[in-house]
Amino acid sequence: MATMDDALARAHGNRRKLGRDLAGLAVILALAIVGYLLFPNNLALLTRMTTIALLVLSLDLVTGYCGVATLGHAALFGTGAYAAGIAAVHFGITDPLLMLACGILGGIVAGLLCGVVILRAHGLPQLVLSIALIHLFHEFANKASAWTGGSDGLAGIAPDPLLGLFAFDLWGRTAYVFGIVLLAVVFTLLRLVVRSPFGMLCRGIKEDQVRVRAMGASPKVTLVKMYMISGAVAGAGGALNAISTQVVGLDSLSFTLSAESLVMLVLGGTGSLFGALTGTIVFMFFEDIVSAANPFHWLTMVGALLIAVVLFAPNGLYGTIAAVAIRWREARR
């Protein structure tokens, strides 16, 4: 009887998880449709939001699920962008899917390099190493101007029509749809990753590395693997950015982008893919609105929003809403 009860409980839990996954995909697609209908002339902003969402999701994997402190995650994003751009400009690889593959590969390599270096330290030294790495990546891209364009940026990226049918027009429709499909696929795969035994092991490492090591697992090897997965996601975001804007600049390897992605993650809630998406959407929309309303003091308003969230919603916007919903559901039982 106990075995049957356990099997029923697992089946019920799996149905709930599947329901949450489908609900998440439905929300992503619904927001994408609403955004397309409400902002048909500003699809570039929405596509940019999609690329940054991939960056924040990748950051959540190493910071939210593994507890690795980093302020240099844009190194993975920028490497993916330059890999896709260099493949197009210098090697004639202009198929969007192949450019995406190049960006993912570049992100994986950058993730492996950054993971090996950053994971040699713990706590505050990790932040110092990550800051050093992002500046090294930035300076390397600046000096390798023959390949990257240096401070002028890498221009001349001309992707072919997607699947040979859908050209990347000035309105950005193809890039927007491509980005939404990519985001939906990545979100689904990451939901599987974080719920897998590997994902649970990463959470265990965040809580207690000593206990995980006593169980016979290697925390460092596990975290390096997660860093490579994170690099693949961030590299996909960078490649999408290169394909949609058709230019790659040094700002894709900036410390500012790394810091902003961490702010978005904290704003939405760490350790949750839904939180990463929520923080990205809220931050970028709020930033766009207040910067247009008050070009001189918009940073003050953004800072006030962040202070309010940290003080009154320490688990982030999504984390706080989810906790309230759980308490309300339990109160009704």
C-alpha atoms as a PDB file:
ATOM      1  CA  MET A   1       0.000   0.000   0.000  1.00  0.00           C
ATOM      2  CA  ALA A   2       2.800   2.397   0.881  1.00  0.00           C
ATOM      3  CA  THR A   3       4.495   1.701  -2.449  1.00  0.00           C
ATOM      4  CA  MET A   4       1.288   2.445  -4.336  1.00  0.00           C
ATOM      5  CA  ASP A   5       0.756   5.619  -2.326  1.00  0.00           C
ATOM      6  CA  ASP A   6       4.306   6.739  -3.109  1.00  0.00           C
ATOM      7  CA  ALA A   7       3.777   6.016  -6.816  1.00  0.00           C
ATOM      8  CA  LEU A   8       0.550   8.015  -6.806  1.00  0.00           C
ATOM      9  CA  ALA A   9       2.265  10.881  -4.986  1.00  0.00           C
ATOM     10  CA  ARG A  10       5.094  10.909  -7.539  1.00  0.00           C
ATOM     11  CA  ALA A  11       2.629  10.828 -10.417  1.00  0.00           C
ATOM     12  CA  HIS A  12       0.709  13.718  -8.879  1.00  0.00           C
ATOM     13  CA  GLY A  13       3.936  15.658  -8.387  1.00  0.00           C
ATOM     14  CA  ASN A  14       4.982  15.027 -11.976  1.00  0.00           C
ATOM     15  CA  ARG A  15       1.604  16.241 -13.233  1.00  0.00           C
ATOM     16  CA  ARG A  16       1.966  19.416 -11.181  1.00  0.00           C
ATOM     17  CA  LYS A  17       5.461  20.014 -12.555  1.00  0.00           C
ATOM     18  CA  LEU A  18       4.258  19.408 -16.103  1.00  0.00           C
ATOM     19  CA  GLY A  19       1.385  21.800 -15.483  1.00  0.00           C
ATOM     20  CA  ARG A  20       3.789  24.493 -14.287  1.00  0.00           C
ATOM     21  CA  ASP A  21       5.997  23.957 -17.348  1.00  0.00           C
ATOM     22  CA  LEU A  22       3.055  24.255 -19.712  1.00  0.00           C
ATOM     23  CA  ALA A  23       1.793  27.293 -17.814  1.00  0.00           C
ATOM     24  CA  GLY A  24       5.219  28.910 -18.109  1.00  0.00           C
ATOM     25  CA  LEU A  25       5.339  28.298 -21.851  1.00  0.00           C
ATOM     26  CA  ALA A  26       1.787  29.601 -22.216  1.00  0.00           C
ATOM     27  CA  VAL A  27       2.722  32.788 -20.347  1.00  0.00           C
ATOM     28  CA  ILE A  28       5.821  33.313 -22.522  1.00  0.00           C
ATOM     29  CA  LEU A  29       3.835  32.871 -25.735  1.00  0.00           C
ATOM     30  CA  ALA A  30       0.945  35.009 -24.468  1.00  0.00           C
ATOM     31  CA  LEU A  31       3.282  37.850 -23.488  1.00  0.00           C
ATOM     32  CA  ALA A  32       5.025  37.527 -26.850  1.00  0.00           C
ATOM     33  CA  ILE A  33       1.720  37.894 -28.701  1.00  0.00           C
ATOM     34  CA  VAL A  34       0.633  40.815 -26.521  1.00  0.00           C
ATOM     35  CA  GLY A  35       3.988  42.517 -27.024  1.00  0.00           C
ATOM     36  CA  TYR A  36       3.762  42.059 -30.786  1.00  0.00           C
ATOM     37  CA  LEU A  37       0.258  43.555 -30.871  1.00  0.00           C
ATOM     38  CA  LEU A  38       0.958  46.455 -28.497  1.00  0.00           C
ATOM     39  CA  PHE A  39       4.435  47.392 -29.745  1.00  0.00           C
ATOM     40  CA  PRO A  40       4.586  46.508 -33.453  1.00  0.00           C
ATOM     41  CA  ASN A  41       6.946  49.418 -34.087  1.00  0.00           C
ATOM     42  CA  ASN A  42       9.256  48.631 -31.185  1.00  0.00           C
ATOM     43  CA  LEU A  43      10.056  44.983 -31.752  1.00  0.00           C
ATOM     44  CA  ALA A  44      13.782  45.768 -31.456  1.00  0.00           C
ATOM     45  CA  LEU A  45      13.308  46.466 -27.738  1.00  0.00           C
ATOM     46  CA  LEU A  46      11.346  43.251 -27.253  1.00  0.00           C
ATOM     47  CA  THR A  47      13.984  41.247 -29.113  1.00  0.00           C
ATOM     48  CA  ARG A  48      16.692  42.857 -26.985  1.00  0.00           C
ATOM     49  CA  MET A  49      14.656  41.876 -23.942  1.00  0.00           C
ATOM     50  CA  THR A  50      14.642  38.282 -25.160  1.00  0.00           C
ATOM     51  CA  THR A  51      18.428  38.227 -25.581  1.00  0.00           C
ATOM     52  CA  ILE A  52      18.948  39.651 -22.076  1.00  0.00           C
ATOM     53  CA  ALA A  53      16.422  37.163 -20.669  1.00  0.00           C
ATOM     54  CA  LEU A  54      18.656  34.354 -21.945  1.00  0.00           C
ATOM     55  CA  LEU A  55      21.628  36.004 -20.224  1.00  0.00           C
ATOM     56  CA  VAL A  56      19.747  36.322 -16.924  1.00  0.00           C
ATOM     57  CA  LEU A  57      18.533  32.712 -17.162  1.00  0.00           C
ATOM     58  CA  SER A  58      22.124  31.581 -17.634  1.00  0.00           C
ATOM     59  CA  LEU A  59      23.212  33.662 -14.647  1.00  0.00           C
ATOM     60  CA  ASP A  60      20.468  32.109 -12.527  1.00  0.00           C
ATOM     61  CA  LEU A  61      21.888  28.658 -13.233  1.00  0.00           C
ATOM     62  CA  VAL A  62      25.242  29.427 -11.600  1.00  0.00           C
ATOM     63  CA  THR A  63      24.182  32.012  -9.009  1.00  0.00           C
ATOM     64  CA  GLY A  64      20.627  31.064  -8.095  1.00  0.00           C
ATOM     65  CA  TYR A  65      20.939  27.276  -8.292  1.00  0.00           C
ATOM     66  CA  CYS A  66      24.651  26.790  -7.525  1.00  0.00           C
ATOM     67  CA  GLY A  67      25.430  29.768  -5.291  1.00  0.00           C
ATOM     68  CA  VAL A  68      28.425  30.941  -7.345  1.00  0.00           C
ATOM     69  CA  ALA A  69      29.011  34.673  -6.940  1.00  0.00           C
ATOM     70  CA  THR A  70      29.835  36.360 -10.247  1.00  0.00           C
ATOM     71  CA  LEU A  71      29.827  39.846 -11.712  1.00  0.00           C
ATOM     72  CA  GLY A  72      31.347  38.894 -15.035  1.00  0.00           C
ATOM     73  CA  HIS A  73      28.706  36.763 -16.680  1.00  0.00           C
ATOM     74  CA  ALA A  74      28.527  39.018 -19.729  1.00  0.00           C
ATOM     75  CA  ALA A  75      31.810  37.386 -20.787  1.00  0.00           C
ATOM     76  CA  LEU A  76      29.795  34.338 -21.845  1.00  0.00           C
ATOM     77  CA  PHE A  77      27.155  36.450 -23.591  1.00  0.00           C
ATOM     78  CA  GLY A  78      29.695  38.594 -25.424  1.00  0.00           C
ATOM     79  CA  THR A  79      31.763  35.599 -26.500  1.00  0.00           C
ATOM     80  CA  GLY A  80      28.666  34.048 -28.045  1.00  0.00           C
ATOM     81  CA  ALA A  81      27.883  37.296 -29.847  1.00  0.00           C
ATOM     82  CA  TYR A  82      31.410  37.650 -31.223  1.00  0.00           C
ATOM     83  CA  ALA A  83      31.566  33.968 -32.181  1.00  0.00           C
ATOM     84  CA  ALA A  84      28.405  34.325 -34.269  1.00  0.00           C
ATOM     85  CA  GLY A  85      29.538  37.654 -35.726  1.00  0.00           C
ATOM     86  CA  ILE A  86      33.050  36.475 -36.605  1.00  0.00           C
ATOM     87  CA  ALA A  87      31.635  33.328 -38.191  1.00  0.00           C
ATOM     88  CA  ALA A  88      29.450  35.487 -40.442  1.00  0.00           C
ATOM     89  CA  VAL A  89      31.934  38.245 -41.308  1.00  0.00           C
ATOM     90  CA  HIS A  90      35.202  36.314 -41.596  1.00  0.00           C
ATOM     91  CA  PHE A  91      34.094  32.799 -42.536  1.00  0.00           C
ATOM     92  CA  GLY A  92      30.926  33.418 -44.509  1.00  0.00           C
ATOM     93  CA  ILE A  93      28.699  31.398 -42.170  1.00  0.00           C
ATOM     94  CA  THR A  94      25.513  33.428 -42.531  1.00  0.00           C
ATOM     95  CA  ASP A  95      22.827  30.820 -41.929  1.00  0.00           C
ATOM     96  CA  PRO A  96      21.071  31.961 -38.711  1.00  0.00           C
ATOM     97  CA  LEU A  97      20.934  28.465 -37.231  1.00  0.00           C
ATOM     98  CA  LEU A  98      24.631  27.886 -37.885  1.00  0.00           C
ATOM     99  CA  MET A  99      25.416  31.306 -36.404  1.00  0.00           C
ATOM    100  CA  LEU A 100      23.383  30.317 -33.371  1.00  0.00           C
ATOM    101  CA  ALA A 101      25.382  27.092 -33.101  1.00  0.00           C
ATOM    102  CA  CYS A 102      28.631  29.078 -33.279  1.00  0.00           C
ATOM    103  CA  GLY A 103      27.399  31.367 -30.513  1.00  0.00           C
ATOM    104  CA  ILE A 104      26.441  28.412 -28.324  1.00  0.00           C
ATOM    105  CA  LEU A 105      29.838  26.788 -28.892  1.00  0.00           C
ATOM    106  CA  GLY A 106      31.611  30.063 -28.065  1.00  0.00           C
ATOM    107  CA  GLY A 107      29.562  30.408 -24.898  1.00  0.00           C
ATOM    108  CA  ILE A 108      30.409  26.845 -23.825  1.00  0.00           C
ATOM    109  CA  VAL A 109      34.146  27.487 -24.269  1.00  0.00           C
ATOM    110  CA  ALA A 110      33.888  30.774 -22.351  1.00  0.00           C
ATOM    111  CA  GLY A 111      31.840  29.042 -19.644  1.00  0.00           C
ATOM    112  CA  LEU A 112      34.485  26.332 -19.280  1.00  0.00           C
ATOM    113  CA  LEU A 113      37.281  28.904 -19.011  1.00  0.00           C
ATOM    114  CA  CYS A 114      35.430  31.159 -16.566  1.00  0.00           C
ATOM    115  CA  GLY A 115      34.223  28.210 -14.505  1.00  0.00           C
ATOM    116  CA  VAL A 116      37.711  26.727 -14.098  1.00  0.00           C
ATOM    117  CA  VAL A 117      39.103  30.105 -12.988  1.00  0.00           C
ATOM    118  CA  ILE A 118      36.266  31.370 -10.794  1.00  0.00           C
ATOM    119  CA  LEU A 119      35.661  28.065  -9.018  1.00  0.00           C
ATOM    120  CA  ARG A 120      39.215  28.038  -7.682  1.00  0.00           C
ATOM    121  CA  ALA A 121      37.991  30.533  -5.082  1.00  0.00           C
ATOM    122  CA  HIS A 122      34.983  30.917  -2.790  1.00  0.00           C
ATOM    123  CA  GLY A 123      32.812  33.836  -1.721  1.00  0.00           C
ATOM    124  CA  LEU A 124      34.199  37.341  -2.193  1.00  0.00           C
ATOM    125  CA  PRO A 125      37.321  36.237  -4.124  1.00  0.00           C
ATOM    126  CA  GLN A 126      34.958  34.741  -6.739  1.00  0.00           C
ATOM    127  CA  LEU A 127      33.523  38.218  -7.349  1.00  0.00           C
ATOM    128  CA  VAL A 128      37.022  39.637  -7.755  1.00  0.00           C
ATOM    129  CA  LEU A 129      37.982  36.916 -10.236  1.00  0.00           C
ATOM    130  CA  SER A 130      34.765  37.378 -12.212  1.00  0.00           C
ATOM    131  CA  ILE A 131      35.322  41.149 -12.441  1.00  0.00           C
ATOM    132  CA  ALA A 132      38.900  40.559 -13.584  1.00  0.00           C
ATOM    133  CA  LEU A 133      37.721  38.086 -16.226  1.00  0.00           C
ATOM    134  CA  ILE A 134      35.113  40.407 -17.731  1.00  0.00           C
ATOM    135  CA  HIS A 135      37.715  43.169 -18.039  1.00  0.00           C
ATOM    136  CA  LEU A 136      40.197  40.745 -19.623  1.00  0.00           C
ATOM    137  CA  PHE A 137      37.587  39.555 -22.137  1.00  0.00           C
ATOM    138  CA  HIS A 138      36.680  43.181 -22.901  1.00  0.00           C
ATOM    139  CA  GLU A 139      40.290  44.206 -23.402  1.00  0.00           C
ATOM    140  CA  PHE A 140      41.075  41.167 -25.538  1.00  0.00           C
ATOM    141  CA  ALA A 141      38.146  41.953 -27.839  1.00  0.00           C
ATOM    142  CA  ASN A 142      39.277  45.569 -28.028  1.00  0.00           C
ATOM    143  CA  LYS A 143      42.859  44.648 -28.936  1.00  0.00           C
ATOM    144  CA  ALA A 144      41.898  41.961 -31.469  1.00  0.00           C
ATOM    145  CA  SER A 145      40.384  44.630 -33.696  1.00  0.00           C
ATOM    146  CA  ALA A 146      41.292  42.781 -36.899  1.00  0.00           C
ATOM    147  CA  TRP A 147      38.737  40.144 -35.918  1.00  0.00           C
ATOM    148  CA  THR A 148      36.330  42.006 -33.649  1.00  0.00           C
ATOM    149  CA  GLY A 149      36.369  45.537 -35.028  1.00  0.00           C
ATOM    150  CA  GLY A 150      37.662  46.837 -31.697  1.00  0.00           C
ATOM    151  CA  SER A 151      35.966  49.932 -30.341  1.00  0.00           C
ATOM    152  CA  ASP A 152      34.195  50.468 -33.691  1.00  0.00           C
ATOM    153  CA  GLY A 153      32.325  47.192 -33.338  1.00  0.00           C
ATOM    154  CA  LEU A 154      31.988  44.226 -35.655  1.00  0.00           C
ATOM    155  CA  ALA A 155      29.749  45.310 -38.525  1.00  0.00           C
ATOM    156  CA  GLY A 156      28.777  43.736 -41.820  1.00  0.00           C
ATOM    157  CA  ILE A 157      26.822  40.852 -40.315  1.00  0.00           C
ATOM    158  CA  ALA A 158      24.184  39.843 -42.875  1.00  0.00           C
ATOM    159  CA  PRO A 159      22.281  36.705 -41.852  1.00  0.00           C
ATOM    160  CA  ASP A 160      20.468  34.733 -44.532  1.00  0.00           C
ATOM    161  CA  PRO A 161      16.678  34.325 -44.392  1.00  0.00           C
ATOM    162  CA  LEU A 162      15.652  31.980 -41.613  1.00  0.00           C
ATOM    163  CA  LEU A 163      15.053  28.483 -43.040  1.00  0.00           C
ATOM    164  CA  GLY A 164      15.550  30.103 -46.440  1.00  0.00           C
ATOM    165  CA  LEU A 165      12.089  31.710 -46.208  1.00  0.00           C
ATOM    166  CA  PHE A 166      11.938  34.481 -43.612  1.00  0.00           C
ATOM    167  CA  ALA A 167      14.243  37.447 -44.163  1.00  0.00           C
ATOM    168  CA  PHE A 168      15.453  39.607 -41.294  1.00  0.00           C
ATOM    169  CA  ASP A 169      13.652  42.825 -42.195  1.00  0.00           C
ATOM    170  CA  LEU A 170      13.995  46.343 -40.792  1.00  0.00           C
ATOM    171  CA  TRP A 171      10.832  45.885 -38.710  1.00  0.00           C
ATOM    172  CA  GLY A 172      12.456  43.034 -36.811  1.00  0.00           C
ATOM    173  CA  ARG A 173       9.541  40.626 -37.129  1.00  0.00           C
ATOM    174  CA  THR A 174      11.629  37.593 -38.055  1.00  0.00           C
ATOM    175  CA  ALA A 175      14.210  38.302 -35.349  1.00  0.00           C
ATOM    176  CA  TYR A 176      11.451  38.701 -32.770  1.00  0.00           C
ATOM    177  CA  VAL A 177       9.711  35.425 -33.607  1.00  0.00           C
ATOM    178  CA  PHE A 178      13.064  33.634 -33.810  1.00  0.00           C
ATOM    179  CA  GLY A 179      13.966  34.967 -30.364  1.00  0.00           C
ATOM    180  CA  ILE A 180      10.666  33.935 -28.793  1.00  0.00           C
ATOM    181  CA  VAL A 181      10.922  30.400 -30.177  1.00  0.00           C
ATOM    182  CA  LEU A 182      14.516  30.175 -28.946  1.00  0.00           C
ATOM    183  CA  LEU A 183      13.516  31.443 -25.490  1.00  0.00           C
ATOM    184  CA  ALA A 184      10.660  28.940 -25.255  1.00  0.00           C
ATOM    185  CA  VAL A 185      12.922  26.029 -26.238  1.00  0.00           C
ATOM    186  CA  VAL A 186      15.668  27.073 -23.821  1.00  0.00           C
ATOM    187  CA  PHE A 187      13.184  27.610 -20.985  1.00  0.00           C
ATOM    188  CA  THR A 188      11.734  24.113 -21.493  1.00  0.00           C
ATOM    189  CA  LEU A 189      15.175  22.478 -21.557  1.00  0.00           C
ATOM    190  CA  LEU A 190      16.321  24.374 -18.460  1.00  0.00           C
ATOM    191  CA  ARG A 191      13.211  23.294 -16.555  1.00  0.00           C
ATOM    192  CA  LEU A 192      14.249  19.708 -17.259  1.00  0.00           C
ATOM    193  CA  VAL A 193      17.850  20.420 -16.221  1.00  0.00           C
ATOM    194  CA  VAL A 194      17.069  22.042 -12.866  1.00  0.00           C
ATOM    195  CA  ARG A 195      14.621  19.250 -11.955  1.00  0.00           C
ATOM    196  CA  SER A 196      16.998  16.470 -12.964  1.00  0.00           C
ATOM    197  CA  PRO A 197      19.295  14.656 -10.497  1.00  0.00           C
ATOM    198  CA  PHE A 198      22.108  16.852 -11.835  1.00  0.00           C
ATOM    199  CA  GLY A 199      20.119  19.988 -11.014  1.00  0.00           C
ATOM    200  CA  MET A 200      19.280  18.691  -7.545  1.00  0.00           C
ATOM    201  CA  LEU A 201      22.970  17.952  -7.011  1.00  0.00           C
ATOM    202  CA  CYS A 202      23.780  21.566  -7.874  1.00  0.00           C
ATOM    203  CA  ARG A 203      21.252  22.750  -5.290  1.00  0.00           C
ATOM    204  CA  GLY A 204      22.827  20.422  -2.759  1.00  0.00           C
ATOM    205  CA  ILE A 205      26.250  21.931  -3.485  1.00  0.00           C
ATOM    206  CA  LYS A 206      24.815  25.388  -2.852  1.00  0.00           C
ATOM    207  CA  GLU A 207      23.496  24.264   0.530  1.00  0.00           C
ATOM    208  CA  ASP A 208      26.424  22.127   1.745  1.00  0.00           C
ATOM    209  CA  GLN A 209      29.444  21.250  -0.374  1.00  0.00           C
ATOM    210  CA  VAL A 210      31.010  19.151   2.387  1.00  0.00           C
ATOM    211  CA  ARG A 211      28.016  16.816   2.546  1.00  0.00           C
ATOM    212  CA  VAL A 212      27.930  16.462  -1.246  1.00  0.00           C
ATOM    213  CA  ARG A 213      31.633  15.625  -1.267  1.00  0.00           C
ATOM    214  CA  ALA A 214      31.067  13.043   1.473  1.00  0.00           C
ATOM    215  CA  MET A 215      28.454  11.420  -0.767  1.00  0.00           C
ATOM    216  CA  GLY A 216      31.162  10.814  -3.361  1.00  0.00           C
ATOM    217  CA  ALA A 217      30.291  13.588  -5.831  1.00  0.00           C
ATOM    218  CA  SER A 218      32.745  16.228  -7.013  1.00  0.00           C
ATOM    219  CA  PRO A 219      31.347  19.739  -6.419  1.00  0.00           C
ATOM    220  CA  LYS A 220      33.911  21.411  -8.668  1.00  0.00           C
ATOM    221  CA  VAL A 221      33.322  19.115 -11.652  1.00  0.00           C
ATOM    222  CA  THR A 222      29.562  19.486 -11.229  1.00  0.00           C
ATOM    223  CA  LEU A 223      29.772  23.270 -11.061  1.00  0.00           C
ATOM    224  CA  VAL A 224      32.037  23.431 -14.126  1.00  0.00           C
ATOM    225  CA  LYS A 225      29.450  21.391 -16.043  1.00  0.00           C
ATOM    226  CA  MET A 226      26.720  23.808 -14.963  1.00  0.00           C
ATOM    227  CA  TYR A 227      28.949  26.715 -15.993  1.00  0.00           C
ATOM    228  CA  MET A 228      29.223  25.183 -19.462  1.00  0.00           C
ATOM    229  CA  ILE A 229      25.443  24.777 -19.680  1.00  0.00           C
ATOM    230  CA  SER A 230      25.117  28.381 -18.544  1.00  0.00           C
ATOM    231  CA  GLY A 231      27.618  29.378 -21.220  1.00  0.00           C
ATOM    232  CA  ALA A 232      25.538  27.642 -23.889  1.00  0.00           C
ATOM    233  CA  VAL A 233      22.443  29.618 -22.834  1.00  0.00           C
ATOM    234  CA  ALA A 234      24.285  32.934 -22.594  1.00  0.00           C
ATOM    235  CA  GLY A 235      26.032  32.237 -25.910  1.00  0.00           C
ATOM    236  CA  ALA A 236      22.654  31.620 -27.539  1.00  0.00           C
ATOM    237  CA  GLY A 237      21.528  35.013 -26.249  1.00  0.00           C
ATOM    238  CA  GLY A 238      24.654  36.672 -27.601  1.00  0.00           C
ATOM    239  CA  ALA A 239      24.236  35.017 -30.990  1.00  0.00           C
ATOM    240  CA  LEU A 240      20.606  36.137 -31.131  1.00  0.00           C
ATOM    241  CA  ASN A 241      21.759  39.674 -30.356  1.00  0.00           C
ATOM    242  CA  ALA A 242      24.311  39.559 -33.176  1.00  0.00           C
ATOM    243  CA  ILE A 243      21.744  38.172 -35.628  1.00  0.00           C
ATOM    244  CA  SER A 244      19.032  40.670 -34.724  1.00  0.00           C
ATOM    245  CA  THR A 245      21.164  43.840 -34.558  1.00  0.00           C
ATOM    246  CA  GLN A 246      23.689  42.711 -37.228  1.00  0.00           C
ATOM    247  CA  VAL A 247      26.502  44.323 -35.251  1.00  0.00           C
ATOM    248  CA  VAL A 248      28.513  43.341 -32.177  1.00  0.00           C
ATOM    249  CA  GLY A 249      30.023  45.988 -29.932  1.00  0.00           C
ATOM    250  CA  LEU A 250      32.252  45.965 -26.877  1.00  0.00           C
ATOM    251  CA  ASP A 251      29.208  46.728 -24.741  1.00  0.00           C
ATOM    252  CA  SER A 252      28.282  43.038 -25.028  1.00  0.00           C
ATOM    253  CA  LEU A 253      31.388  42.329 -22.917  1.00  0.00           C
ATOM    254  CA  SER A 254      30.898  45.161 -20.442  1.00  0.00           C
ATOM    255  CA  PHE A 255      30.928  45.034 -16.658  1.00  0.00           C
ATOM    256  CA  THR A 256      27.772  47.170 -16.745  1.00  0.00           C
ATOM    257  CA  LEU A 257      25.856  44.448 -18.585  1.00  0.00           C
ATOM    258  CA  SER A 258      27.043  41.874 -16.051  1.00  0.00           C
ATOM    259  CA  ALA A 259      25.931  44.044 -13.140  1.00  0.00           C
ATOM    260  CA  GLU A 260      22.556  44.813 -14.712  1.00  0.00           C
ATOM    261  CA  SER A 261      21.885  41.119 -15.350  1.00  0.00           C
ATOM    262  CA  LEU A 262      22.552  40.392 -11.672  1.00  0.00           C
ATOM    263  CA  VAL A 263      20.215  43.223 -10.685  1.00  0.00           C
ATOM    264  CA  MET A 264      17.479  41.766 -12.918  1.00  0.00           C
ATOM    265  CA  LEU A 265      17.955  38.355 -11.335  1.00  0.00           C
ATOM    266  CA  VAL A 266      17.703  39.720  -7.800  1.00  0.00           C
ATOM    267  CA  LEU A 267      14.712  41.819  -8.812  1.00  0.00           C
ATOM    268  CA  GLY A 268      12.795  38.782 -10.053  1.00  0.00           C
ATOM    269  CA  GLY A 269      14.078  36.260  -7.542  1.00  0.00           C
ATOM    270  CA  THR A 270      17.126  33.991  -7.559  1.00  0.00           C
ATOM    271  CA  GLY A 271      16.855  30.231  -7.861  1.00  0.00           C
ATOM    272  CA  SER A 272      13.815  30.391 -10.132  1.00  0.00           C
ATOM    273  CA  LEU A 273      13.648  30.452 -13.926  1.00  0.00           C
ATOM    274  CA  PHE A 274      10.315  32.247 -13.670  1.00  0.00           C
ATOM    275  CA  GLY A 275      11.959  34.822 -11.412  1.00  0.00           C
ATOM    276  CA  ALA A 276      14.734  35.432 -13.937  1.00  0.00           C
ATOM    277  CA  LEU A 277      12.186  36.125 -16.677  1.00  0.00           C
ATOM    278  CA  THR A 278      10.083  38.325 -14.392  1.00  0.00           C
ATOM    279  CA  GLY A 279      13.050  40.433 -13.324  1.00  0.00           C
ATOM    280  CA  THR A 280      14.189  40.937 -16.911  1.00  0.00           C
ATOM    281  CA  ILE A 281      10.770  42.043 -18.154  1.00  0.00           C
ATOM    282  CA  VAL A 282      10.063  44.388 -15.232  1.00  0.00           C
ATOM    283  CA  PHE A 283      13.526  45.981 -15.196  1.00  0.00           C
ATOM    284  CA  MET A 284      13.806  46.580 -18.930  1.00  0.00           C
ATOM    285  CA  PHE A 285      10.260  47.905 -19.322  1.00  0.00           C
ATOM    286  CA  PHE A 286      10.642  50.155 -16.283  1.00  0.00           C
ATOM    287  CA  GLU A 287      14.014  51.375 -17.542  1.00  0.00           C
ATOM    288  CA  ASP A 288      12.600  52.141 -21.004  1.00  0.00           C
ATOM    289  CA  ILE A 289       9.574  53.995 -19.629  1.00  0.00           C
ATOM    290  CA  VAL A 290      11.327  56.134 -17.010  1.00  0.00           C
ATOM    291  CA  SER A 291      14.304  56.954 -19.272  1.00  0.00           C
ATOM    292  CA  ALA A 292      11.873  58.266 -21.886  1.00  0.00           C
ATOM    293  CA  ALA A 293       9.840  60.202 -19.296  1.00  0.00           C
ATOM    294  CA  ASN A 294      12.848  61.726 -17.521  1.00  0.00           C
ATOM    295  CA  PRO A 295      16.138  61.378 -19.395  1.00  0.00           C
ATOM    296  CA  PHE A 296      18.108  63.173 -16.643  1.00  0.00           C
ATOM    297  CA  HIS A 297      16.937  61.417 -13.480  1.00  0.00           C
ATOM    298  CA  TRP A 298      15.763  58.001 -14.646  1.00  0.00           C
ATOM    299  CA  LEU A 299      18.600  56.217 -12.829  1.00  0.00           C
ATOM    300  CA  THR A 300      17.281  57.649  -9.561  1.00  0.00           C
ATOM    301  CA  MET A 301      13.875  56.100 -10.190  1.00  0.00           C
ATOM    302  CA  VAL A 302      15.416  52.752 -11.128  1.00  0.00           C
ATOM    303  CA  GLY A 303      17.470  52.844  -7.944  1.00  0.00           C
ATOM    304  CA  ALA A 304      14.368  53.622  -5.873  1.00  0.00           C
ATOM    305  CA  LEU A 305      12.573  50.633  -7.403  1.00  0.00           C
ATOM    306  CA  LEU A 306      15.450  48.303  -6.572  1.00  0.00           C
ATOM    307  CA  ILE A 307      15.710  49.561  -2.995  1.00  0.00           C
ATOM    308  CA  ALA A 308      11.960  49.073  -2.498  1.00  0.00           C
ATOM    309  CA  VAL A 309      12.102  45.519  -3.844  1.00  0.00           C
ATOM    310  CA  VAL A 310      15.110  44.530  -1.722  1.00  0.00           C
ATOM    311  CA  LEU A 311      13.557  46.001   1.443  1.00  0.00           C
ATOM    312  CA  PHE A 312       9.960  44.850   1.021  1.00  0.00           C
ATOM    313  CA  ALA A 313      10.312  41.804  -1.249  1.00  0.00           C
ATOM    314  CA  PRO A 314      13.701  40.233  -0.376  1.00  0.00           C
ATOM    315  CA  ASN A 315      12.822  37.067  -2.307  1.00  0.00           C
ATOM    316  CA  GLY A 316      12.277  39.103  -5.487  1.00  0.00           C
ATOM    317  CA  LEU A 317       9.040  39.963  -7.217  1.00  0.00           C
ATOM    318  CA  TYR A 318       8.239  36.458  -8.424  1.00  0.00           C
ATOM    319  CA  GLY A 319       9.489  34.814  -5.240  1.00  0.00           C
ATOM    320  CA  THR A 320       7.306  37.046  -3.066  1.00  0.00           C
ATOM    321  CA  ILE A 321       4.219  36.567  -5.233  1.00  0.00           C
ATOM    322  CA  ALA A 322       4.762  32.789  -5.282  1.00  0.00           C
ATOM    323  CA  ALA A 323       5.135  32.692  -1.479  1.00  0.00           C
ATOM    324  CA  VAL A 324       1.932  34.696  -1.013  1.00  0.00           C
ATOM    325  CA  ALA A 325       0.086  32.391  -3.423  1.00  0.00           C
ATOM    326  CA  ILE A 326       1.279  29.304  -1.516  1.00  0.00           C
ATOM    327  CA  ARG A 327       0.143  30.737   1.833  1.00  0.00           C
ATOM    328  CA  TRP A 328      -3.217  31.693   0.357  1.00  0.00           C
ATOM    329  CA  ARG A 329      -3.698  28.216  -1.103  1.00  0.00           C
ATOM    330  CA  GLU A 330      -2.791  26.544   2.191  1.00  0.00           C
ATOM    331  CA  ALA A 331      -5.141  28.866   4.091  1.00  0.00           C
ATOM    332  CA  ARG A 332      -8.039  27.767   1.887  1.00  0.00           C
ATOM    333  CA  ARG A 333      -7.495  24.082   2.667  1.00  0.00           C
END
